[in-house]
Amino acid sequence: MKTTETVNEWAEKAEGDYETVLDLKKKNKKCQQYIIAFHCQQCIEKYLKAILTSYEIPFPKQHDLEQLLVLFLPKDILLAPIRKQLKILTPYAV
């Protein structure tokens, strides 16, 4: 599969999670907060994997947002400040 196609697939999946977050937020039920956090984590994970794929940086099968970001930091250190926030979301992966 071509890199561009793979990047687009990751991005489309990420957008699906983002749209789910927006839909759940409209319902505004407290019991759905963990589901919203799950889809936020999934969205970010898929976007990070899209970015890594676009730079042809291999990544393991994992859900750890911080570790995925660390793989990309040599290419763009400007994303380093979001590392702590990513660490907070990682537990919602499963």
PDB file of N, CA and C in Angstrom:
ATOM      1  N   MET A   1       0.850  -1.186   0.000  1.00  0.00           N
ATOM      2  CA  MET A   1       0.000   0.000   0.000  1.00  0.00           C
ATOM      3  C   MET A   1       0.890   1.243   0.000  1.00  0.00           C
ATOM      4  N   LYS A   2       0.497   2.214  -0.750  1.00  0.00           N
ATOM      5  CA  LYS A   2       1.263   3.452  -0.832  1.00  0.00           C
ATOM      6  C   LYS A   2       1.182   4.224   0.486  1.00  0.00           C
ATOM      7  N   THR A   3       2.262   4.934   0.790  1.00  0.00           N
ATOM      8  CA  THR A   3       2.313   5.717   2.025  1.00  0.00           C
ATOM      9  C   THR A   3       1.170   6.722   2.098  1.00  0.00           C
ATOM     10  N   THR A   4       0.885   7.416   0.996  1.00  0.00           N
ATOM     11  CA  THR A   4      -0.174   8.427   0.988  1.00  0.00           C
ATOM     12  C   THR A   4      -1.528   7.804   1.309  1.00  0.00           C
ATOM     13  N   GLU A   5      -1.786   6.637   0.752  1.00  0.00           N
ATOM     14  CA  GLU A   5      -3.051   5.949   1.029  1.00  0.00           C
ATOM     15  C   GLU A   5      -3.151   5.580   2.504  1.00  0.00           C
ATOM     16  N   THR A   6      -2.062   5.089   3.051  1.00  0.00           N
ATOM     17  CA  THR A   6      -2.055   4.700   4.461  1.00  0.00           C
ATOM     18  C   THR A   6      -2.262   5.914   5.357  1.00  0.00           C
ATOM     19  N   VAL A   7      -1.599   7.008   5.033  1.00  0.00           N
ATOM     20  CA  VAL A   7      -1.773   8.250   5.801  1.00  0.00           C
ATOM     21  C   VAL A   7      -3.232   8.678   5.755  1.00  0.00           C
ATOM     22  N   ASN A   8      -3.823   8.653   4.580  1.00  0.00           N
ATOM     23  CA  ASN A   8      -5.230   9.042   4.431  1.00  0.00           C
ATOM     24  C   ASN A   8      -6.160   8.124   5.213  1.00  0.00           C
ATOM     25  N   GLU A   9      -5.861   6.832   5.229  1.00  0.00           N
ATOM     26  CA  GLU A   9      -6.685   5.894   6.003  1.00  0.00           C
ATOM     27  C   GLU A   9      -6.620   6.215   7.494  1.00  0.00           C
ATOM     28  N   TRP A  10      -5.404   6.456   8.012  1.00  0.00           N
ATOM     29  CA  TRP A  10      -5.263   6.822   9.430  1.00  0.00           C
ATOM     30  C   TRP A  10      -6.040   8.099   9.727  1.00  0.00           C
ATOM     31  N   ALA A  11      -5.920   9.085   8.839  1.00  0.00           N
ATOM     32  CA  ALA A  11      -6.594  10.371   9.055  1.00  0.00           C
ATOM     33  C   ALA A  11      -8.114  10.217   9.006  1.00  0.00           C
ATOM     34  N   GLU A  12      -8.625   9.411   8.083  1.00  0.00           N
ATOM     35  CA  GLU A  12     -10.072   9.185   8.003  1.00  0.00           C
ATOM     36  C   GLU A  12     -10.597   8.518   9.271  1.00  0.00           C
ATOM     37  N   LYS A  13      -9.853   7.545   9.766  1.00  0.00           N
ATOM     38  CA  LYS A  13     -10.257   6.869  11.004  1.00  0.00           C
ATOM     39  C   LYS A  13     -10.224   7.844  12.183  1.00  0.00           C
ATOM     40  N   ALA A  14      -9.211   8.690  12.218  1.00  0.00           N
ATOM     41  CA  ALA A  14      -9.110   9.699  13.283  1.00  0.00           C
ATOM     42  C   ALA A  14     -10.299  10.649  13.231  1.00  0.00           C
ATOM     43  N   GLU A  15     -10.673  11.064  12.044  1.00  0.00           N
ATOM     44  CA  GLU A  15     -11.829  11.957  11.890  1.00  0.00           C
ATOM     45  C   GLU A  15     -13.112  11.288  12.367  1.00  0.00           C
ATOM     46  N   GLY A  16     -13.229   9.989  12.138  1.00  0.00           N
ATOM     47  CA  GLY A  16     -14.396   9.254  12.630  1.00  0.00           C
ATOM     48  C   GLY A  16     -14.486   9.307  14.144  1.00  0.00           C
ATOM     49  N   ASP A  17     -13.348   9.140  14.811  1.00  0.00           N
ATOM     50  CA  ASP A  17     -13.332   9.244  16.270  1.00  0.00           C
ATOM     51  C   ASP A  17     -13.669  10.659  16.719  1.00  0.00           C
ATOM     52  N   TYR A  18     -13.148  11.646  16.008  1.00  0.00           N
ATOM     53  CA  TYR A  18     -13.421  13.043  16.358  1.00  0.00           C
ATOM     54  C   TYR A  18     -14.913  13.352  16.214  1.00  0.00           C
ATOM     55  N   GLU A  19     -15.516  12.893  15.139  1.00  0.00           N
ATOM     56  CA  GLU A  19     -16.952  13.113  14.938  1.00  0.00           C
ATOM     57  C   GLU A  19     -17.774  12.427  16.030  1.00  0.00           C
ATOM     58  N   THR A  20     -17.321  11.254  16.463  1.00  0.00           N
ATOM     59  CA  THR A  20     -17.993  10.551  17.556  1.00  0.00           C
ATOM     60  C   THR A  20     -17.925  11.373  18.838  1.00  0.00           C
ATOM     61  N   VAL A  21     -16.769  11.969  19.113  1.00  0.00           N
ATOM     62  CA  VAL A  21     -16.614  12.831  20.295  1.00  0.00           C
ATOM     63  C   VAL A  21     -17.607  13.983  20.238  1.00  0.00           C
ATOM     64  N   LEU A  22     -17.702  14.633  19.090  1.00  0.00           N
ATOM     65  CA  LEU A  22     -18.627  15.763  18.952  1.00  0.00           C
ATOM     66  C   LEU A  22     -20.071  15.327  19.164  1.00  0.00           C
ATOM     67  N   ASP A  23     -20.442  14.174  18.605  1.00  0.00           N
ATOM     68  CA  ASP A  23     -21.805  13.659  18.780  1.00  0.00           C
ATOM     69  C   ASP A  23     -22.102  13.357  20.247  1.00  0.00           C
ATOM     70  N   LEU A  24     -21.150  12.719  20.927  1.00  0.00           N
ATOM     71  CA  LEU A  24     -21.353  12.379  22.339  1.00  0.00           C
ATOM     72  C   LEU A  24     -21.415  13.631  23.209  1.00  0.00           C
ATOM     73  N   LYS A  25     -20.622  14.632  22.884  1.00  0.00           N
ATOM     74  CA  LYS A  25     -20.653  15.879  23.662  1.00  0.00           C
ATOM     75  C   LYS A  25     -22.004  16.577  23.538  1.00  0.00           C
ATOM     76  N   LYS A  26     -22.636  16.463  22.384  1.00  0.00           N
ATOM     77  CA  LYS A  26     -23.958  17.064  22.192  1.00  0.00           C
ATOM     78  C   LYS A  26     -24.982  16.434  23.129  1.00  0.00           C
ATOM     79  N   LYS A  27     -24.826  15.138  23.389  1.00  0.00           N
ATOM     80  CA  LYS A  27     -25.755  14.435  24.279  1.00  0.00           C
ATOM     81  C   LYS A  27     -25.551  14.857  25.730  1.00  0.00           C
ATOM     82  N   ASN A  28     -24.325  15.257  26.078  1.00  0.00           N
ATOM     83  CA  ASN A  28     -24.003  15.837  27.382  1.00  0.00           C
ATOM     84  C   ASN A  28     -24.427  14.971  28.567  1.00  0.00           C
ATOM     85  N   LYS A  29     -24.123  13.682  28.496  1.00  0.00           N
ATOM     86  CA  LYS A  29     -24.413  12.784  29.616  1.00  0.00           C
ATOM     87  C   LYS A  29     -23.112  12.473  30.344  1.00  0.00           C
ATOM     88  N   LYS A  30     -23.126  12.639  31.651  1.00  0.00           N
ATOM     89  CA  LYS A  30     -21.913  12.418  32.445  1.00  0.00           C
ATOM     90  C   LYS A  30     -21.399  10.983  32.334  1.00  0.00           C
ATOM     91  N   CYS A  31     -22.300  10.034  32.203  1.00  0.00           N
ATOM     92  CA  CYS A  31     -21.876   8.638  32.139  1.00  0.00           C
ATOM     93  C   CYS A  31     -21.076   8.344  30.870  1.00  0.00           C
ATOM     94  N   GLN A  32     -21.090   9.255  29.917  1.00  0.00           N
ATOM     95  CA  GLN A  32     -20.375   9.030  28.664  1.00  0.00           C
ATOM     96  C   GLN A  32     -18.992   9.679  28.648  1.00  0.00           C
ATOM     97  N   GLN A  33     -18.564  10.256  29.750  1.00  0.00           N
ATOM     98  CA  GLN A  33     -17.277  10.953  29.762  1.00  0.00           C
ATOM     99  C   GLN A  33     -16.111  10.017  29.449  1.00  0.00           C
ATOM    100  N   TYR A  34     -16.130   8.794  29.975  1.00  0.00           N
ATOM    101  CA  TYR A  34     -15.036   7.868  29.701  1.00  0.00           C
ATOM    102  C   TYR A  34     -15.046   7.428  28.243  1.00  0.00           C
ATOM    103  N   ILE A  35     -16.229   7.371  27.641  1.00  0.00           N
ATOM    104  CA  ILE A  35     -16.323   7.019  26.219  1.00  0.00           C
ATOM    105  C   ILE A  35     -15.760   8.159  25.371  1.00  0.00           C
ATOM    106  N   ILE A  36     -16.042   9.383  25.765  1.00  0.00           N
ATOM    107  CA  ILE A  36     -15.486  10.546  25.064  1.00  0.00           C
ATOM    108  C   ILE A  36     -13.962  10.538  25.179  1.00  0.00           C
ATOM    109  N   ALA A  37     -13.454  10.257  26.374  1.00  0.00           N
ATOM    110  CA  ALA A  37     -12.001  10.204  26.571  1.00  0.00           C
ATOM    111  C   ALA A  37     -11.377   9.100  25.713  1.00  0.00           C
ATOM    112  N   PHE A  38     -12.055   7.959  25.623  1.00  0.00           N
ATOM    113  CA  PHE A  38     -11.571   6.860  24.780  1.00  0.00           C
ATOM    114  C   PHE A  38     -11.434   7.314  23.329  1.00  0.00           C
ATOM    115  N   HIS A  39     -12.470   7.952  22.803  1.00  0.00           N
ATOM    116  CA  HIS A  39     -12.434   8.375  21.401  1.00  0.00           C
ATOM    117  C   HIS A  39     -11.444   9.523  21.175  1.00  0.00           C
ATOM    118  N   CYS A  40     -11.235  10.363  22.184  1.00  0.00           N
ATOM    119  CA  CYS A  40     -10.191  11.396  22.084  1.00  0.00           C
ATOM    120  C   CYS A  40      -8.821  10.735  21.964  1.00  0.00           C
ATOM    121  N   GLN A  41      -8.584   9.742  22.811  1.00  0.00           N
ATOM    122  CA  GLN A  41      -7.316   9.018  22.765  1.00  0.00           C
ATOM    123  C   GLN A  41      -7.140   8.356  21.400  1.00  0.00           C
ATOM    124  N   GLN A  42      -8.198   7.709  20.927  1.00  0.00           N
ATOM    125  CA  GLN A  42      -8.120   7.022  19.639  1.00  0.00           C
ATOM    126  C   GLN A  42      -7.849   7.996  18.494  1.00  0.00           C
ATOM    127  N   CYS A  43      -8.498   9.132  18.524  1.00  0.00           N
ATOM    128  CA  CYS A  43      -8.314  10.151  17.491  1.00  0.00           C
ATOM    129  C   CYS A  43      -6.855  10.613  17.441  1.00  0.00           C
ATOM    130  N   ILE A  44      -6.308  10.935  18.588  1.00  0.00           N
ATOM    131  CA  ILE A  44      -4.925  11.413  18.644  1.00  0.00           C
ATOM    132  C   ILE A  44      -3.959  10.310  18.224  1.00  0.00           C
ATOM    133  N   GLU A  45      -4.211   9.096  18.690  1.00  0.00           N
ATOM    134  CA  GLU A  45      -3.347   7.970  18.318  1.00  0.00           C
ATOM    135  C   GLU A  45      -3.302   7.806  16.794  1.00  0.00           C
ATOM    136  N   LYS A  46      -4.448   7.866  16.165  1.00  0.00           N
ATOM    137  CA  LYS A  46      -4.511   7.670  14.713  1.00  0.00           C
ATOM    138  C   LYS A  46      -3.865   8.830  13.960  1.00  0.00           C
ATOM    139  N   TYR A  47      -4.024  10.047  14.453  1.00  0.00           N
ATOM    140  CA  TYR A  47      -3.341  11.178  13.812  1.00  0.00           C
ATOM    141  C   TYR A  47      -1.825  11.072  13.985  1.00  0.00           C
ATOM    142  N   LEU A  48      -1.373  10.659  15.163  1.00  0.00           N
ATOM    143  CA  LEU A  48       0.068  10.472  15.359  1.00  0.00           C
ATOM    144  C   LEU A  48       0.604   9.398  14.418  1.00  0.00           C
ATOM    145  N   LYS A  49      -0.152   8.325  14.252  1.00  0.00           N
ATOM    146  CA  LYS A  49       0.277   7.253  13.349  1.00  0.00           C
ATOM    147  C   LYS A  49       0.259   7.727  11.895  1.00  0.00           C
ATOM    148  N   ALA A  50      -0.667   8.601  11.553  1.00  0.00           N
ATOM    149  CA  ALA A  50      -0.683   9.181  10.202  1.00  0.00           C
ATOM    150  C   ALA A  50       0.576  10.024   9.978  1.00  0.00           C
ATOM    151  N   ILE A  51       0.924  10.831  10.975  1.00  0.00           N
ATOM    152  CA  ILE A  51       2.121  11.677  10.865  1.00  0.00           C
ATOM    153  C   ILE A  51       3.375  10.815  10.757  1.00  0.00           C
ATOM    154  N   LEU A  52       3.475   9.815  11.626  1.00  0.00           N
ATOM    155  CA  LEU A  52       4.643   8.930  11.585  1.00  0.00           C
ATOM    156  C   LEU A  52       4.744   8.230  10.235  1.00  0.00           C
ATOM    157  N   THR A  53       3.619   7.776   9.723  1.00  0.00           N
ATOM    158  CA  THR A  53       3.599   7.112   8.420  1.00  0.00           C
ATOM    159  C   THR A  53       4.047   8.065   7.318  1.00  0.00           C
ATOM    160  N   SER A  54       3.587   9.308   7.387  1.00  0.00           N
ATOM    161  CA  SER A  54       3.956  10.276   6.342  1.00  0.00           C
ATOM    162  C   SER A  54       5.457  10.559   6.329  1.00  0.00           C
ATOM    163  N   TYR A  55       6.100  10.434   7.481  1.00  0.00           N
ATOM    164  CA  TYR A  55       7.547  10.621   7.563  1.00  0.00           C
ATOM    165  C   TYR A  55       8.300   9.292   7.449  1.00  0.00           C
ATOM    166  N   GLU A  56       7.553   8.234   7.186  1.00  0.00           N
ATOM    167  CA  GLU A  56       8.110   6.885   7.065  1.00  0.00           C
ATOM    168  C   GLU A  56       8.890   6.478   8.312  1.00  0.00           C
ATOM    169  N   ILE A  57       8.336   6.835   9.464  1.00  0.00           N
ATOM    170  CA  ILE A  57       8.912   6.455  10.753  1.00  0.00           C
ATOM    171  C   ILE A  57       8.150   5.227  11.241  1.00  0.00           C
ATOM    172  N   PRO A  58       8.828   4.091  11.371  1.00  0.00           N
ATOM    173  CA  PRO A  58       8.134   2.889  11.839  1.00  0.00           C
ATOM    174  C   PRO A  58       7.703   3.036  13.300  1.00  0.00           C
ATOM    175  N   PHE A  59       6.587   2.407  13.624  1.00  0.00           N
ATOM    176  CA  PHE A  59       6.092   2.454  14.997  1.00  0.00           C
ATOM    177  C   PHE A  59       5.529   1.089  15.368  1.00  0.00           C
ATOM    178  N   PRO A  60       5.662   0.726  16.650  1.00  0.00           N
ATOM    179  CA  PRO A  60       5.129  -0.566  17.097  1.00  0.00           C
ATOM    180  C   PRO A  60       3.613  -0.501  17.259  1.00  0.00           C
ATOM    181  N   LYS A  61       3.008  -1.668  17.329  1.00  0.00           N
ATOM    182  CA  LYS A  61       1.569  -1.733  17.606  1.00  0.00           C
ATOM    183  C   LYS A  61       1.395  -1.437  19.090  1.00  0.00           C
ATOM    184  N   GLN A  62       0.969  -0.235  19.378  1.00  0.00           N
ATOM    185  CA  GLN A  62       0.766   0.183  20.764  1.00  0.00           C
ATOM    186  C   GLN A  62      -0.197   1.354  20.799  1.00  0.00           C
ATOM    187  N   HIS A  63      -0.673   1.664  21.998  1.00  0.00           N
ATOM    188  CA  HIS A  63      -1.627   2.757  22.174  1.00  0.00           C
ATOM    189  C   HIS A  63      -1.051   3.893  23.015  1.00  0.00           C
ATOM    190  N   ASP A  64       0.224   3.813  23.342  1.00  0.00           N
ATOM    191  CA  ASP A  64       0.870   4.798  24.208  1.00  0.00           C
ATOM    192  C   ASP A  64       1.156   6.079  23.420  1.00  0.00           C
ATOM    193  N   LEU A  65       0.340   7.101  23.641  1.00  0.00           N
ATOM    194  CA  LEU A  65       0.459   8.348  22.887  1.00  0.00           C
ATOM    195  C   LEU A  65       1.807   9.019  23.095  1.00  0.00           C
ATOM    196  N   GLU A  66       2.276   8.996  24.324  1.00  0.00           N
ATOM    197  CA  GLU A  66       3.560   9.630  24.628  1.00  0.00           C
ATOM    198  C   GLU A  66       4.694   8.959  23.851  1.00  0.00           C
ATOM    199  N   GLN A  67       4.686   7.642  23.806  1.00  0.00           N
ATOM    200  CA  GLN A  67       5.739   6.928  23.088  1.00  0.00           C
ATOM    201  C   GLN A  67       5.666   7.173  21.584  1.00  0.00           C
ATOM    202  N   LEU A  68       4.462   7.283  21.055  1.00  0.00           N
ATOM    203  CA  LEU A  68       4.314   7.601  19.632  1.00  0.00           C
ATOM    204  C   LEU A  68       4.852   9.004  19.345  1.00  0.00           C
ATOM    205  N   LEU A  69       4.567   9.931  20.244  1.00  0.00           N
ATOM    206  CA  LEU A  69       5.070  11.295  20.074  1.00  0.00           C
ATOM    207  C   LEU A  69       6.595  11.324  20.115  1.00  0.00           C
ATOM    208  N   VAL A  70       7.187  10.573  21.034  1.00  0.00           N
ATOM    209  CA  VAL A  70       8.644  10.539  21.176  1.00  0.00           C
ATOM    210  C   VAL A  70       9.307  10.110  19.856  1.00  0.00           C
ATOM    211  N   LEU A  71       8.661   9.216  19.134  1.00  0.00           N
ATOM    212  CA  LEU A  71       9.210   8.785  17.848  1.00  0.00           C
ATOM    213  C   LEU A  71       9.266   9.936  16.842  1.00  0.00           C
ATOM    214  N   PHE A  72       8.336  10.875  16.974  1.00  0.00           N
ATOM    215  CA  PHE A  72       8.248  11.985  16.029  1.00  0.00           C
ATOM    216  C   PHE A  72       9.062  13.213  16.439  1.00  0.00           C
ATOM    217  N   LEU A  73       9.356  13.357  17.711  1.00  0.00           N
ATOM    218  CA  LEU A  73      10.027  14.570  18.207  1.00  0.00           C
ATOM    219  C   LEU A  73      11.332  14.927  17.489  1.00  0.00           C
ATOM    220  N   PRO A  74      12.135  13.961  17.040  1.00  0.00           N
ATOM    221  CA  PRO A  74      13.337  14.362  16.293  1.00  0.00           C
ATOM    222  C   PRO A  74      13.015  15.151  15.014  1.00  0.00           C
ATOM    223  N   LYS A  75      11.824  14.969  14.482  1.00  0.00           N
ATOM    224  CA  LYS A  75      11.416  15.699  13.270  1.00  0.00           C
ATOM    225  C   LYS A  75      10.833  17.072  13.591  1.00  0.00           C
ATOM    226  N   ASP A  76      10.184  17.188  14.750  1.00  0.00           N
ATOM    227  CA  ASP A  76       9.537  18.462  15.112  1.00  0.00           C
ATOM    228  C   ASP A  76       9.431  18.578  16.629  1.00  0.00           C
ATOM    229  N   ILE A  77      10.386  19.221  17.227  1.00  0.00           N
ATOM    230  CA  ILE A  77      10.450  19.378  18.684  1.00  0.00           C
ATOM    231  C   ILE A  77       9.341  20.286  19.212  1.00  0.00           C
ATOM    232  N   LEU A  78       8.694  21.047  18.342  1.00  0.00           N
ATOM    233  CA  LEU A  78       7.641  21.970  18.775  1.00  0.00           C
ATOM    234  C   LEU A  78       6.442  21.253  19.399  1.00  0.00           C
ATOM    235  N   LEU A  79       6.308  19.970  19.147  1.00  0.00           N
ATOM    236  CA  LEU A  79       5.205  19.217  19.745  1.00  0.00           C
ATOM    237  C   LEU A  79       5.522  18.716  21.155  1.00  0.00           C
ATOM    238  N   ALA A  80       6.733  18.895  21.606  1.00  0.00           N
ATOM    239  CA  ALA A  80       7.141  18.409  22.932  1.00  0.00           C
ATOM    240  C   ALA A  80       6.234  18.882  24.071  1.00  0.00           C
ATOM    241  N   PRO A  81       5.724  20.120  24.068  1.00  0.00           N
ATOM    242  CA  PRO A  81       4.889  20.574  25.182  1.00  0.00           C
ATOM    243  C   PRO A  81       3.591  19.783  25.388  1.00  0.00           C
ATOM    244  N   ILE A  82       3.119  19.076  24.378  1.00  0.00           N
ATOM    245  CA  ILE A  82       1.866  18.324  24.564  1.00  0.00           C
ATOM    246  C   ILE A  82       2.097  16.945  25.178  1.00  0.00           C
ATOM    247  N   ARG A  83       3.337  16.614  25.442  1.00  0.00           N
ATOM    248  CA  ARG A  83       3.684  15.281  25.948  1.00  0.00           C
ATOM    249  C   ARG A  83       2.926  14.923  27.231  1.00  0.00           C
ATOM    250  N   LYS A  84       2.852  15.847  28.175  1.00  0.00           N
ATOM    251  CA  LYS A  84       2.165  15.569  29.446  1.00  0.00           C
ATOM    252  C   LYS A  84       0.681  15.299  29.238  1.00  0.00           C
ATOM    253  N   GLN A  85       0.054  16.061  28.359  1.00  0.00           N
ATOM    254  CA  GLN A  85      -1.372  15.867  28.096  1.00  0.00           C
ATOM    255  C   GLN A  85      -1.621  14.502  27.451  1.00  0.00           C
ATOM    256  N   LEU A  86      -0.719  14.085  26.589  1.00  0.00           N
ATOM    257  CA  LEU A  86      -0.874  12.783  25.948  1.00  0.00           C
ATOM    258  C   LEU A  86      -0.769  11.662  26.976  1.00  0.00           C
ATOM    259  N   LYS A  87       0.109  11.847  27.943  1.00  0.00           N
ATOM    260  CA  LYS A  87       0.284  10.843  28.998  1.00  0.00           C
ATOM    261  C   LYS A  87      -1.016  10.656  29.788  1.00  0.00           C
ATOM    262  N   ILE A  88      -1.767  11.734  29.952  1.00  0.00           N
ATOM    263  CA  ILE A  88      -3.041  11.674  30.678  1.00  0.00           C
ATOM    264  C   ILE A  88      -4.076  10.856  29.911  1.00  0.00           C
ATOM    265  N   LEU A  89      -4.095  10.973  28.594  1.00  0.00           N
ATOM    266  CA  LEU A  89      -5.107  10.285  27.789  1.00  0.00           C
ATOM    267  C   LEU A  89      -4.804   8.813  27.527  1.00  0.00           C
ATOM    268  N   THR A  90      -3.542   8.424  27.560  1.00  0.00           N
ATOM    269  CA  THR A  90      -3.163   7.057  27.199  1.00  0.00           C
ATOM    270  C   THR A  90      -3.947   5.975  27.945  1.00  0.00           C
ATOM    271  N   PRO A  91      -4.206   6.098  29.243  1.00  0.00           N
ATOM    272  CA  PRO A  91      -4.946   5.035  29.937  1.00  0.00           C
ATOM    273  C   PRO A  91      -6.359   4.778  29.394  1.00  0.00           C
ATOM    274  N   TYR A  92      -6.908   5.706  28.653  1.00  0.00           N
ATOM    275  CA  TYR A  92      -8.255   5.527  28.115  1.00  0.00           C
ATOM    276  C   TYR A  92      -8.275   4.671  26.850  1.00  0.00           C
ATOM    277  N   ALA A  93      -7.115   4.191  26.413  1.00  0.00           N
ATOM    278  CA  ALA A  93      -7.032   3.396  25.186  1.00  0.00           C
ATOM    279  C   ALA A  93      -7.786   2.078  25.296  1.00  0.00           C
ATOM    280  N   VAL A  94      -7.846   1.527  26.481  1.00  0.00           N
ATOM    281  CA  VAL A  94      -8.514   0.229  26.659  1.00  0.00           C
ATOM    282  C   VAL A  94      -9.485   0.252  27.804  1.00  0.00           C
TER     283      VAL A  94
END
